[in-house]
């Protein structure tokens, strides 16, 4: 009889935990809906694509390689965009949010976003993100010559190492 009671207790606890998990995930879904998470993911991918195009246009790519490099970059960006679609991310995002925040915390976040200040934050976030990405892009542009110099130096070092290795193997 004791083991039967223990089994019943475990079943009730499992069902209760499952119900809690469902309600927790539903709150996270409500948060995603309120914050336009799916649109934000799409907008971010569009901004990244735009930044990559701008970066490519500003690089000194030889004309004969320009179209090929741009085409490759677009294929890479398309691949990334396809893999990072909201439909593919949503379940993992739900899990991360449910694992990171308690139900009470998500309820508090929802309460904030529904408040006038939270609502203003939500409305201004896309513009804020765009402006912050522009600041980041400027910094990356400043870094590009240094990155290109590093790549050039690395290629020269690799070429010298190959040449040295070839000469060493020929002298043996």
N, C-alpha and C. Protein backbone atom coordinates (compact mmCIF):
# COMPACT_ATOMS: atom_id res chain seq x y z
N UNK A 1 0.83 -1.19 0.00
CA UNK A 1 0.00 0.00 0.00
C UNK A 1 0.87 1.26 0.00
N UNK A 2 2.00 1.19 0.75
CA UNK A 2 2.90 2.34 0.79
C UNK A 2 3.45 2.66 -0.58
N UNK A 3 3.84 1.62 -1.34
CA UNK A 3 4.41 1.86 -2.66
C UNK A 3 3.35 2.42 -3.61
N UNK A 4 2.10 2.00 -3.45
CA UNK A 4 1.02 2.53 -4.28
C UNK A 4 0.82 4.02 -3.98
N UNK A 5 0.86 4.39 -2.72
CA UNK A 5 0.72 5.80 -2.33
C UNK A 5 1.88 6.62 -2.88
N UNK A 6 3.07 6.04 -2.84
CA UNK A 6 4.24 6.75 -3.37
C UNK A 6 4.11 6.97 -4.87
N UNK A 7 3.59 5.96 -5.58
CA UNK A 7 3.39 6.08 -7.03
C UNK A 7 2.37 7.17 -7.32
N UNK A 8 1.28 7.19 -6.59
CA UNK A 8 0.24 8.22 -6.77
C UNK A 8 0.84 9.60 -6.50
N UNK A 9 1.63 9.71 -5.43
CA UNK A 9 2.26 10.98 -5.09
C UNK A 9 3.17 11.44 -6.23
N UNK A 10 3.97 10.54 -6.77
CA UNK A 10 4.86 10.88 -7.89
C UNK A 10 4.07 11.32 -9.12
N UNK A 11 2.98 10.64 -9.42
CA UNK A 11 2.16 11.01 -10.58
C UNK A 11 1.59 12.41 -10.40
N UNK A 12 1.06 12.69 -9.21
CA UNK A 12 0.49 14.01 -8.93
C UNK A 12 1.57 15.09 -9.03
N UNK A 13 2.74 14.82 -8.47
CA UNK A 13 3.84 15.79 -8.53
C UNK A 13 4.29 16.03 -9.96
N UNK A 14 4.39 14.96 -10.75
CA UNK A 14 4.81 15.09 -12.14
C UNK A 14 3.81 15.93 -12.93
N UNK A 15 2.52 15.67 -12.73
CA UNK A 15 1.49 16.44 -13.43
C UNK A 15 1.52 17.90 -13.00
N UNK A 16 1.75 18.14 -11.72
CA UNK A 16 1.81 19.51 -11.21
C UNK A 16 3.01 20.24 -11.81
N UNK A 17 4.15 19.57 -11.86
CA UNK A 17 5.35 20.17 -12.45
C UNK A 17 5.14 20.47 -13.92
N UNK A 18 4.50 19.54 -14.63
CA UNK A 18 4.23 19.73 -16.05
C UNK A 18 3.29 20.92 -16.25
N UNK A 19 2.26 21.04 -15.42
CA UNK A 19 1.33 22.16 -15.52
C UNK A 19 2.05 23.48 -15.24
N UNK A 20 2.95 23.48 -14.25
CA UNK A 20 3.73 24.68 -13.95
C UNK A 20 4.60 25.06 -15.14
N UNK A 21 5.22 24.06 -15.77
CA UNK A 21 6.08 24.32 -16.92
C UNK A 21 5.28 24.91 -18.07
N UNK A 22 4.09 24.39 -18.30
CA UNK A 22 3.23 24.92 -19.37
C UNK A 22 2.87 26.37 -19.09
N UNK A 23 2.49 26.67 -17.85
CA UNK A 23 2.11 28.05 -17.53
C UNK A 23 3.33 28.97 -17.63
N UNK A 24 4.47 28.48 -17.23
CA UNK A 24 5.72 29.25 -17.31
C UNK A 24 6.03 29.58 -18.77
N UNK A 25 5.93 28.60 -19.64
CA UNK A 25 6.20 28.81 -21.07
C UNK A 25 5.15 29.73 -21.70
N UNK A 26 3.90 29.62 -21.25
CA UNK A 26 2.86 30.51 -21.78
C UNK A 26 3.17 31.96 -21.43
N UNK A 27 3.67 32.20 -20.22
CA UNK A 27 4.06 33.56 -19.84
C UNK A 27 5.20 34.05 -20.73
N UNK A 28 6.15 33.17 -21.01
CA UNK A 28 7.26 33.56 -21.89
C UNK A 28 6.72 33.87 -23.28
N UNK A 29 5.76 33.08 -23.76
CA UNK A 29 5.15 33.35 -25.07
C UNK A 29 4.44 34.70 -25.07
N UNK A 30 3.76 35.01 -23.97
CA UNK A 30 3.09 36.31 -23.86
C UNK A 30 4.12 37.43 -23.92
N UNK A 31 5.25 37.21 -23.27
CA UNK A 31 6.33 38.20 -23.30
C UNK A 31 6.86 38.37 -24.72
N UNK A 32 7.04 37.27 -25.44
CA UNK A 32 7.50 37.36 -26.83
C UNK A 32 6.50 38.11 -27.70
N UNK A 33 5.23 37.86 -27.49
CA UNK A 33 4.20 38.55 -28.27
C UNK A 33 4.23 40.05 -27.96
N UNK A 34 4.30 40.37 -26.69
CA UNK A 34 4.29 41.78 -26.27
C UNK A 34 5.52 42.53 -26.78
N UNK A 35 6.66 41.86 -26.82
CA UNK A 35 7.91 42.51 -27.24
C UNK A 35 8.17 42.35 -28.74
N UNK A 36 7.22 41.77 -29.46
CA UNK A 36 7.38 41.55 -30.91
C UNK A 36 8.67 40.81 -31.22
N UNK A 37 8.94 39.77 -30.47
CA UNK A 37 10.20 39.03 -30.60
C UNK A 37 10.43 38.54 -32.03
N UNK A 38 9.39 38.02 -32.67
CA UNK A 38 9.59 37.49 -34.03
C UNK A 38 9.98 38.60 -35.00
N UNK A 39 9.32 39.75 -34.90
CA UNK A 39 9.66 40.88 -35.77
C UNK A 39 11.06 41.41 -35.45
N UNK A 40 11.41 41.42 -34.18
CA UNK A 40 12.73 41.90 -33.79
C UNK A 40 13.84 41.01 -34.36
N UNK A 41 13.60 39.70 -34.37
CA UNK A 41 14.58 38.79 -34.95
C UNK A 41 14.73 39.08 -36.44
N UNK A 42 13.60 39.22 -37.14
CA UNK A 42 13.63 39.53 -38.58
C UNK A 42 14.31 40.87 -38.84
N UNK A 43 13.96 41.88 -38.06
CA UNK A 43 14.56 43.21 -38.23
C UNK A 43 16.07 43.18 -37.99
N UNK A 44 16.48 42.45 -36.98
CA UNK A 44 17.91 42.34 -36.68
C UNK A 44 18.64 41.69 -37.83
N UNK A 45 18.07 40.63 -38.38
CA UNK A 45 18.71 39.97 -39.52
C UNK A 45 18.79 40.91 -40.72
N UNK A 46 17.75 41.71 -40.94
CA UNK A 46 17.77 42.68 -42.03
C UNK A 46 18.85 43.73 -41.81
N UNK A 47 18.99 44.20 -40.57
CA UNK A 47 20.01 45.19 -40.28
C UNK A 47 21.41 44.60 -40.47
N UNK A 48 21.59 43.35 -40.06
CA UNK A 48 22.89 42.70 -40.25
C UNK A 48 23.20 42.59 -41.74
N UNK A 49 22.20 42.21 -42.52
CA UNK A 49 22.39 42.10 -43.98
C UNK A 49 22.79 43.46 -44.55
N UNK A 50 22.09 44.49 -44.14
CA UNK A 50 22.38 45.85 -44.62
C UNK A 50 23.80 46.27 -44.22
N UNK A 51 24.19 45.96 -42.99
CA UNK A 51 25.54 46.30 -42.53
C UNK A 51 26.60 45.56 -43.36
N UNK A 52 26.34 44.30 -43.66
CA UNK A 52 27.30 43.53 -44.45
C UNK A 52 27.44 44.10 -45.86
N UNK A 53 26.33 44.49 -46.45
CA UNK A 53 26.37 45.09 -47.79
C UNK A 53 27.18 46.39 -47.75
N UNK A 54 26.91 47.22 -46.74
CA UNK A 54 27.66 48.47 -46.59
C UNK A 54 29.15 48.22 -46.40
N UNK A 55 29.47 47.22 -45.59
CA UNK A 55 30.88 46.88 -45.36
C UNK A 55 31.55 46.45 -46.66
N UNK A 56 30.87 45.58 -47.41
CA UNK A 56 31.44 45.11 -48.67
C UNK A 56 31.66 46.26 -49.64
N UNK A 57 30.70 47.18 -49.68
CA UNK A 57 30.82 48.32 -50.59
C UNK A 57 31.98 49.23 -50.23
N UNK A 58 32.36 49.27 -48.96
CA UNK A 58 33.42 50.15 -48.51
C UNK A 58 34.80 49.49 -48.58
N UNK A 59 34.84 48.19 -48.79
CA UNK A 59 36.12 47.50 -48.87
C UNK A 59 36.73 47.68 -50.25
N UNK A 60 38.02 47.67 -50.30
CA UNK A 60 38.73 47.79 -51.58
C UNK A 60 38.89 46.42 -52.21
N UNK A 61 37.79 45.88 -52.69
CA UNK A 61 37.82 44.56 -53.30
C UNK A 61 38.14 44.73 -54.78
N UNK A 62 39.10 43.95 -55.28
CA UNK A 62 39.40 44.04 -56.71
C UNK A 62 38.14 43.76 -57.54
N UNK A 63 37.98 44.51 -58.62
CA UNK A 63 36.77 44.43 -59.44
C UNK A 63 36.48 43.00 -59.89
N UNK A 64 37.54 42.25 -60.26
CA UNK A 64 37.30 40.89 -60.76
C UNK A 64 36.75 39.95 -59.69
N UNK A 65 36.98 40.27 -58.41
CA UNK A 65 36.49 39.42 -57.32
C UNK A 65 35.24 39.97 -56.66
N UNK A 66 34.92 41.22 -56.93
CA UNK A 66 33.83 41.92 -56.23
C UNK A 66 32.50 41.18 -56.32
N UNK A 67 32.06 40.86 -57.52
CA UNK A 67 30.75 40.20 -57.66
C UNK A 67 30.72 38.84 -57.01
N UNK A 68 31.82 38.12 -57.15
CA UNK A 68 31.89 36.78 -56.56
C UNK A 68 31.83 36.87 -55.03
N UNK A 69 32.56 37.81 -54.46
CA UNK A 69 32.56 37.98 -53.01
C UNK A 69 31.19 38.44 -52.53
N UNK A 70 30.59 39.40 -53.23
CA UNK A 70 29.26 39.87 -52.85
C UNK A 70 28.24 38.73 -52.94
N UNK A 71 28.34 37.94 -53.98
CA UNK A 71 27.42 36.81 -54.15
C UNK A 71 27.59 35.81 -53.01
N UNK A 72 28.83 35.50 -52.67
CA UNK A 72 29.10 34.58 -51.57
C UNK A 72 28.56 35.13 -50.26
N UNK A 73 28.79 36.42 -50.02
CA UNK A 73 28.31 37.04 -48.79
C UNK A 73 26.79 36.97 -48.71
N UNK A 74 26.11 37.21 -49.82
CA UNK A 74 24.65 37.13 -49.84
C UNK A 74 24.18 35.70 -49.57
N UNK A 75 24.87 34.72 -50.13
CA UNK A 75 24.49 33.33 -49.88
C UNK A 75 24.69 32.97 -48.41
N UNK A 76 25.79 33.46 -47.83
CA UNK A 76 26.03 33.22 -46.40
C UNK A 76 24.95 33.88 -45.56
N UNK A 77 24.64 35.13 -45.89
CA UNK A 77 23.61 35.86 -45.16
C UNK A 77 22.25 35.18 -45.30
N UNK A 78 21.92 34.72 -46.49
CA UNK A 78 20.66 33.99 -46.70
C UNK A 78 20.62 32.71 -45.88
N UNK A 79 21.72 32.01 -45.83
CA UNK A 79 21.81 30.78 -45.05
C UNK A 79 21.59 31.07 -43.57
N UNK A 80 22.27 32.11 -43.07
CA UNK A 80 22.12 32.50 -41.67
C UNK A 80 20.67 32.90 -41.39
N UNK A 81 20.11 33.73 -42.27
CA UNK A 81 18.73 34.19 -42.08
C UNK A 81 17.75 33.01 -42.07
N UNK A 82 17.99 32.03 -42.92
CA UNK A 82 17.11 30.87 -42.96
C UNK A 82 17.20 30.06 -41.67
N UNK A 83 18.40 29.91 -41.16
CA UNK A 83 18.59 29.12 -39.93
C UNK A 83 18.15 29.87 -38.67
N UNK A 84 18.14 31.20 -38.74
CA UNK A 84 17.78 31.99 -37.56
C UNK A 84 16.38 32.57 -37.65
N UNK A 85 15.51 31.92 -38.42
CA UNK A 85 14.11 32.36 -38.49
C UNK A 85 13.47 32.14 -37.12
N UNK A 86 12.53 33.00 -36.81
CA UNK A 86 11.85 32.92 -35.52
C UNK A 86 11.23 31.54 -35.29
N UNK A 87 10.65 30.97 -36.34
CA UNK A 87 10.00 29.66 -36.19
C UNK A 87 10.99 28.61 -35.70
N UNK A 88 12.24 28.74 -36.10
CA UNK A 88 13.26 27.78 -35.68
C UNK A 88 13.83 28.10 -34.30
N UNK A 89 13.75 29.35 -33.90
CA UNK A 89 14.32 29.78 -32.63
C UNK A 89 13.33 29.74 -31.46
N UNK A 90 12.07 29.87 -31.76
CA UNK A 90 11.07 30.11 -30.73
C UNK A 90 11.11 29.09 -29.59
N UNK A 91 11.11 27.81 -29.90
CA UNK A 91 11.07 26.80 -28.83
C UNK A 91 12.31 26.88 -27.95
N UNK A 92 13.47 27.08 -28.56
CA UNK A 92 14.69 27.22 -27.77
C UNK A 92 14.66 28.49 -26.92
N UNK A 93 14.15 29.57 -27.48
CA UNK A 93 14.01 30.81 -26.72
C UNK A 93 13.08 30.61 -25.53
N UNK A 94 11.96 29.91 -25.77
CA UNK A 94 11.02 29.63 -24.68
C UNK A 94 11.73 28.87 -23.55
N UNK A 95 12.49 27.88 -23.93
CA UNK A 95 13.21 27.08 -22.94
C UNK A 95 14.20 27.95 -22.17
N UNK A 96 14.96 28.77 -22.88
CA UNK A 96 15.95 29.63 -22.22
C UNK A 96 15.26 30.60 -21.26
N UNK A 97 14.19 31.24 -21.71
CA UNK A 97 13.48 32.18 -20.84
C UNK A 97 12.90 31.47 -19.63
N UNK A 98 12.29 30.31 -19.85
CA UNK A 98 11.68 29.57 -18.74
C UNK A 98 12.75 29.08 -17.76
N UNK A 99 13.93 28.75 -18.27
CA UNK A 99 15.03 28.31 -17.40
C UNK A 99 15.69 29.49 -16.68
N UNK A 100 15.66 30.66 -17.29
CA UNK A 100 16.36 31.82 -16.74
C UNK A 100 15.51 32.60 -15.75
N UNK A 101 14.24 32.80 -16.08
CA UNK A 101 13.35 33.62 -15.26
C UNK A 101 12.29 32.76 -14.58
N UNK A 102 11.99 33.09 -13.34
CA UNK A 102 10.88 32.44 -12.66
C UNK A 102 9.57 32.98 -13.23
N UNK A 103 8.48 32.32 -12.95
CA UNK A 103 7.18 32.83 -13.41
C UNK A 103 6.94 34.23 -12.86
N UNK A 104 7.29 34.44 -11.60
CA UNK A 104 7.08 35.74 -10.97
C UNK A 104 7.90 36.81 -11.67
N UNK A 105 9.11 36.48 -12.06
CA UNK A 105 9.96 37.46 -12.76
C UNK A 105 9.38 37.78 -14.13
N UNK A 106 8.92 36.79 -14.85
CA UNK A 106 8.31 37.05 -16.16
C UNK A 106 7.05 37.89 -15.99
N UNK A 107 6.26 37.60 -14.95
CA UNK A 107 5.08 38.42 -14.70
C UNK A 107 5.48 39.87 -14.42
N UNK A 108 6.57 40.07 -13.69
CA UNK A 108 7.07 41.42 -13.41
C UNK A 108 7.53 42.12 -14.68
N UNK A 109 8.22 41.38 -15.54
CA UNK A 109 8.67 41.95 -16.81
C UNK A 109 7.47 42.34 -17.66
N UNK A 110 6.48 41.45 -17.70
CA UNK A 110 5.25 41.76 -18.46
C UNK A 110 4.57 43.01 -17.89
N UNK A 111 4.51 43.09 -16.58
CA UNK A 111 3.89 44.26 -15.94
C UNK A 111 4.63 45.53 -16.34
N UNK A 112 5.98 45.47 -16.35
CA UNK A 112 6.77 46.62 -16.75
C UNK A 112 6.46 47.00 -18.20
N UNK A 113 6.50 46.04 -19.11
CA UNK A 113 6.27 46.34 -20.52
C UNK A 113 4.86 46.86 -20.79
N UNK A 114 3.92 46.51 -19.94
CA UNK A 114 2.54 46.99 -20.09
C UNK A 114 2.36 48.38 -19.48
N UNK A 115 3.34 48.82 -18.69
CA UNK A 115 3.27 50.15 -18.08
C UNK A 115 3.61 51.21 -19.13
N UNK A 116 3.28 52.49 -18.89
CA UNK A 116 3.62 53.54 -19.86
C UNK A 116 5.13 53.61 -20.16
N UNK A 117 5.97 53.50 -19.14
CA UNK A 117 7.41 53.56 -19.36
C UNK A 117 7.87 52.33 -20.14
N UNK A 118 7.39 51.16 -19.77
CA UNK A 118 7.75 49.93 -20.47
C UNK A 118 7.28 49.95 -21.91
N UNK A 119 6.08 50.49 -22.11
CA UNK A 119 5.53 50.59 -23.47
C UNK A 119 6.39 51.53 -24.31
N UNK A 120 6.83 52.64 -23.72
CA UNK A 120 7.71 53.58 -24.44
C UNK A 120 9.03 52.89 -24.77
N UNK A 121 9.54 52.11 -23.83
CA UNK A 121 10.78 51.37 -24.07
C UNK A 121 10.61 50.43 -25.26
N UNK A 122 9.51 49.69 -25.30
CA UNK A 122 9.25 48.77 -26.41
C UNK A 122 9.17 49.50 -27.75
N UNK A 123 8.46 50.63 -27.75
CA UNK A 123 8.29 51.36 -29.00
C UNK A 123 9.60 51.96 -29.51
N UNK A 124 10.48 52.35 -28.57
CA UNK A 124 11.73 53.00 -28.96
C UNK A 124 12.88 52.02 -29.19
N UNK A 125 12.72 50.79 -28.77
CA UNK A 125 13.80 49.81 -28.89
C UNK A 125 14.25 49.58 -30.34
N UNK A 126 13.36 49.44 -31.32
CA UNK A 126 13.86 49.24 -32.69
C UNK A 126 14.75 50.38 -33.17
N UNK A 127 14.35 51.62 -32.92
CA UNK A 127 15.17 52.76 -33.33
C UNK A 127 16.48 52.78 -32.55
N UNK A 128 16.39 52.50 -31.26
CA UNK A 128 17.58 52.44 -30.41
C UNK A 128 18.55 51.39 -30.94
N UNK A 129 18.04 50.22 -31.27
CA UNK A 129 18.87 49.14 -31.79
C UNK A 129 19.54 49.54 -33.09
N UNK A 130 18.78 50.16 -33.98
CA UNK A 130 19.32 50.60 -35.27
C UNK A 130 20.45 51.61 -35.05
N UNK A 131 20.22 52.55 -34.16
CA UNK A 131 21.23 53.57 -33.90
C UNK A 131 22.48 52.98 -33.25
N UNK A 132 22.28 52.03 -32.34
CA UNK A 132 23.42 51.38 -31.69
C UNK A 132 24.21 50.54 -32.69
N UNK A 133 23.50 49.89 -33.61
CA UNK A 133 24.20 49.12 -34.64
C UNK A 133 25.02 50.04 -35.55
N UNK A 134 24.50 51.23 -35.81
CA UNK A 134 25.25 52.19 -36.62
C UNK A 134 26.54 52.61 -35.91
N UNK A 135 26.45 52.80 -34.59
CA UNK A 135 27.64 53.13 -33.80
C UNK A 135 28.64 51.98 -33.89
N UNK A 136 28.15 50.77 -33.73
CA UNK A 136 29.01 49.58 -33.81
C UNK A 136 29.64 49.46 -35.19
N UNK A 137 28.85 49.73 -36.22
CA UNK A 137 29.36 49.64 -37.59
C UNK A 137 30.50 50.63 -37.80
N UNK A 138 30.37 51.84 -37.26
CA UNK A 138 31.44 52.83 -37.37
C UNK A 138 32.73 52.29 -36.74
N UNK A 139 32.59 51.66 -35.58
CA UNK A 139 33.75 51.10 -34.91
C UNK A 139 34.38 49.99 -35.75
N UNK A 140 33.54 49.15 -36.34
CA UNK A 140 34.04 48.06 -37.18
C UNK A 140 34.76 48.63 -38.40
N UNK A 141 34.20 49.70 -38.97
CA UNK A 141 34.84 50.34 -40.12
C UNK A 141 36.23 50.84 -39.77
N UNK A 142 36.38 51.38 -38.56
CA UNK A 142 37.69 51.85 -38.11
C UNK A 142 38.66 50.67 -37.97
N UNK A 143 38.11 49.53 -37.60
CA UNK A 143 38.95 48.34 -37.40
C UNK A 143 39.33 47.65 -38.71
N UNK A 144 38.55 47.84 -39.75
CA UNK A 144 38.77 47.09 -41.00
C UNK A 144 40.20 47.22 -41.53
N UNK A 145 40.79 48.40 -41.60
CA UNK A 145 42.18 48.46 -42.09
C UNK A 145 43.13 47.63 -41.21
N UNK A 146 42.92 47.66 -39.91
CA UNK A 146 43.77 46.88 -39.01
C UNK A 146 43.56 45.38 -39.24
N UNK A 147 42.31 44.99 -39.42
CA UNK A 147 42.00 43.58 -39.68
C UNK A 147 42.62 43.16 -41.01
N UNK A 148 42.47 44.01 -42.02
CA UNK A 148 43.05 43.70 -43.33
C UNK A 148 44.57 43.59 -43.24
N UNK A 149 45.20 44.47 -42.45
CA UNK A 149 46.65 44.39 -42.26
C UNK A 149 47.04 43.08 -41.57
N UNK A 150 46.26 42.69 -40.56
CA UNK A 150 46.54 41.42 -39.87
C UNK A 150 46.42 40.23 -40.83
N UNK A 151 45.39 40.25 -41.65
CA UNK A 151 45.18 39.17 -42.61
C UNK A 151 46.33 39.15 -43.62
N UNK A 152 46.70 40.32 -44.10
CA UNK A 152 47.80 40.41 -45.06
C UNK A 152 49.09 39.87 -44.44
N UNK A 153 49.37 40.27 -43.20
CA UNK A 153 50.57 39.81 -42.50
C UNK A 153 50.52 38.30 -42.31
N UNK A 154 49.37 37.77 -41.93
CA UNK A 154 49.23 36.35 -41.73
C UNK A 154 49.48 35.59 -43.04
N UNK A 155 48.93 36.11 -44.14
CA UNK A 155 49.12 35.47 -45.44
C UNK A 155 50.60 35.50 -45.83
N UNK A 156 51.28 36.62 -45.57
CA UNK A 156 52.70 36.71 -45.86
C UNK A 156 53.49 35.72 -45.02
N UNK A 157 53.14 35.62 -43.72
CA UNK A 157 53.82 34.68 -42.83
C UNK A 157 53.60 33.24 -43.29
N UNK A 158 52.37 32.93 -43.69
CA UNK A 158 52.07 31.57 -44.17
C UNK A 158 52.86 31.27 -45.44
N UNK A 159 52.92 32.24 -46.33
CA UNK A 159 53.65 32.06 -47.58
C UNK A 159 55.14 31.84 -47.29
N UNK A 160 55.68 32.64 -46.37
CA UNK A 160 57.10 32.50 -46.00
C UNK A 160 57.35 31.15 -45.34
N UNK A 161 56.44 30.71 -44.49
CA UNK A 161 56.60 29.42 -43.82
C UNK A 161 56.56 28.27 -44.83
N UNK A 162 55.64 28.38 -45.80
CA UNK A 162 55.55 27.34 -46.84
C UNK A 162 56.84 27.30 -47.67
N UNK A 163 57.33 28.50 -47.99
CA UNK A 163 58.55 28.58 -48.78
C UNK A 163 59.72 27.98 -48.01
N UNK A 164 59.82 28.33 -46.73
CA UNK A 164 60.89 27.80 -45.89
C UNK A 164 60.80 26.28 -45.76
N UNK A 165 59.59 25.79 -45.57
CA UNK A 165 59.37 24.34 -45.44
C UNK A 165 59.77 23.64 -46.75
N UNK A 166 59.39 24.25 -47.87
CA UNK A 166 59.73 23.69 -49.17
C UNK A 166 61.24 23.66 -49.38
N UNK A 167 61.91 24.75 -49.01
CA UNK A 167 63.37 24.83 -49.17
C UNK A 167 64.06 23.81 -48.26
N UNK A 168 63.54 23.65 -47.02
CA UNK A 168 64.12 22.70 -46.08
C UNK A 168 63.94 21.25 -46.58
N UNK A 169 62.79 20.97 -47.15
CA UNK A 169 62.55 19.60 -47.62
C UNK A 169 63.38 19.31 -48.88
N UNK A 170 63.66 20.33 -49.68
CA UNK A 170 64.47 20.14 -50.88
C UNK A 170 65.94 19.96 -50.54
N UNK A 171 66.41 20.58 -49.43
CA UNK A 171 67.82 20.49 -49.07
C UNK A 171 68.14 19.16 -48.36
N UNK A 172 67.14 18.41 -48.03
CA UNK A 172 67.38 17.12 -47.33
C UNK A 172 67.67 16.02 -48.28
